[in-house]
Amino acid sequence: MEKINDFESVINILKNYQVVEIGAPVKTNFSIRNNKIFVKTNNAQYFISLEEFEALFKHSIFYYFEQTQSVEIETSKDDEYYAWKHK
């Protein structure tokens, strides 16, 4: 993950409709929608204002959000399994 060095850069990245994240204490993703910050964790999703975002997260360490790659399913393995099961 690539670290973002200052809070102003975080705001500029969000205003360019990109996603940033923090890893501690809970992995949290941030994006901007309709001039509000959308906050997403595994357990919660909510909107806060830019002012609230700054007050709560200004001293956090932010990183560029990296999309995880999806795992491709090998259809040949499926074909082999179903061919064996139906015999």
Protein backbone atom coordinates (compact mmCIF):
# COMPACT_ATOMS: atom_id res chain seq x y z
CA MET A 1 0.00 0.00 0.00
CA GLU A 2 1.20 3.48 -0.83
CA LYS A 3 1.10 5.92 2.09
CA ILE A 4 -0.37 9.41 1.63
CA ASN A 5 1.89 11.97 3.26
CA ASP A 6 -0.44 14.76 4.39
CA PHE A 7 -4.10 15.41 5.12
CA GLU A 8 -4.47 18.01 2.35
CA SER A 9 -3.50 15.32 -0.17
CA VAL A 10 -6.14 13.02 1.33
CA ILE A 11 -8.81 15.68 0.77
CA ASN A 12 -7.63 16.29 -2.82
CA ILE A 13 -7.66 12.55 -3.57
CA LEU A 14 -11.20 12.25 -2.20
CA LYS A 15 -12.33 15.27 -4.25
CA ASN A 16 -11.02 13.44 -7.33
CA TYR A 17 -13.47 10.62 -6.48
CA GLN A 18 -10.80 8.17 -5.44
CA VAL A 19 -10.86 5.97 -2.34
CA VAL A 20 -8.46 6.13 0.59
CA GLU A 21 -8.18 3.88 3.61
CA ILE A 22 -6.75 3.58 7.09
CA GLY A 23 -5.73 0.30 8.66
CA ALA A 24 -5.86 1.04 12.37
CA PRO A 25 -7.66 0.58 14.64
CA VAL A 26 -10.14 -0.87 12.11
CA LYS A 27 -9.64 -1.07 8.35
CA THR A 28 -11.83 1.75 7.04
CA ASN A 29 -12.41 3.04 3.50
CA PHE A 30 -13.34 6.64 2.70
CA SER A 31 -14.84 8.13 -0.44
CA ILE A 32 -16.78 11.30 -1.26
CA ARG A 33 -20.40 11.44 -2.39
CA ASN A 34 -22.50 14.60 -2.67
CA ASN A 35 -19.93 16.62 -0.68
CA LYS A 36 -20.12 14.16 2.23
CA ILE A 37 -17.52 11.59 3.24
CA PHE A 38 -18.75 8.01 2.98
CA VAL A 39 -17.14 5.86 5.67
CA LYS A 40 -17.19 2.07 5.25
CA THR A 41 -15.92 -0.69 7.52
CA ASN A 42 -16.83 -4.37 7.70
CA ASN A 43 -19.40 -3.53 10.38
CA ALA A 44 -20.70 -0.06 9.51
CA GLN A 45 -21.41 2.42 6.73
CA TYR A 46 -22.25 6.07 7.27
CA PHE A 47 -21.80 9.64 6.00
CA ILE A 48 -20.02 12.49 7.78
CA SER A 49 -19.28 16.09 6.80
CA LEU A 50 -15.83 17.23 5.68
CA GLU A 51 -15.45 19.08 8.98
CA GLU A 52 -16.29 15.96 11.00
CA PHE A 53 -13.91 13.93 8.86
CA GLU A 54 -11.08 16.34 9.57
CA ALA A 55 -11.81 16.45 13.31
CA LEU A 56 -11.96 12.66 13.60
CA PHE A 57 -9.27 11.49 11.19
CA LYS A 58 -6.79 14.33 10.62
CA HIS A 59 -3.98 12.53 12.46
CA SER A 60 -4.62 9.09 10.94
CA ILE A 61 -2.26 7.43 8.49
CA PHE A 62 -3.96 7.14 5.11
CA TYR A 63 -3.17 4.89 2.17
CA TYR A 64 -4.41 4.67 -1.39
CA PHE A 65 -7.13 2.04 -1.60
CA GLU A 66 -6.02 -0.96 -3.63
CA GLN A 67 -8.71 -3.13 -5.15
CA THR A 68 -8.11 -6.78 -4.36
CA GLN A 69 -7.94 -9.08 -7.33
CA SER A 70 -10.71 -11.60 -7.75
CA VAL A 71 -9.85 -15.27 -7.92
CA GLU A 72 -10.63 -16.94 -11.21
CA ILE A 73 -12.37 -20.28 -11.13
CA GLU A 74 -10.80 -23.01 -13.21
CA THR A 75 -13.69 -24.41 -15.21
CA SER A 76 -11.63 -27.46 -16.15
CA LYS A 77 -11.58 -28.46 -12.45
CA ASP A 78 -15.37 -28.03 -12.29
CA ASP A 79 -15.82 -30.11 -15.44
CA GLU A 80 -13.58 -32.83 -14.02
CA TYR A 81 -15.47 -32.89 -10.72
CA TYR A 82 -18.94 -33.01 -12.26
CA ALA A 83 -17.86 -35.61 -14.82
CA TRP A 84 -16.63 -37.85 -12.00
CA LYS A 85 -19.69 -37.30 -9.79
CA HIS A 86 -22.19 -38.31 -12.49
CA LYS A 87 -20.53 -41.63 -13.34
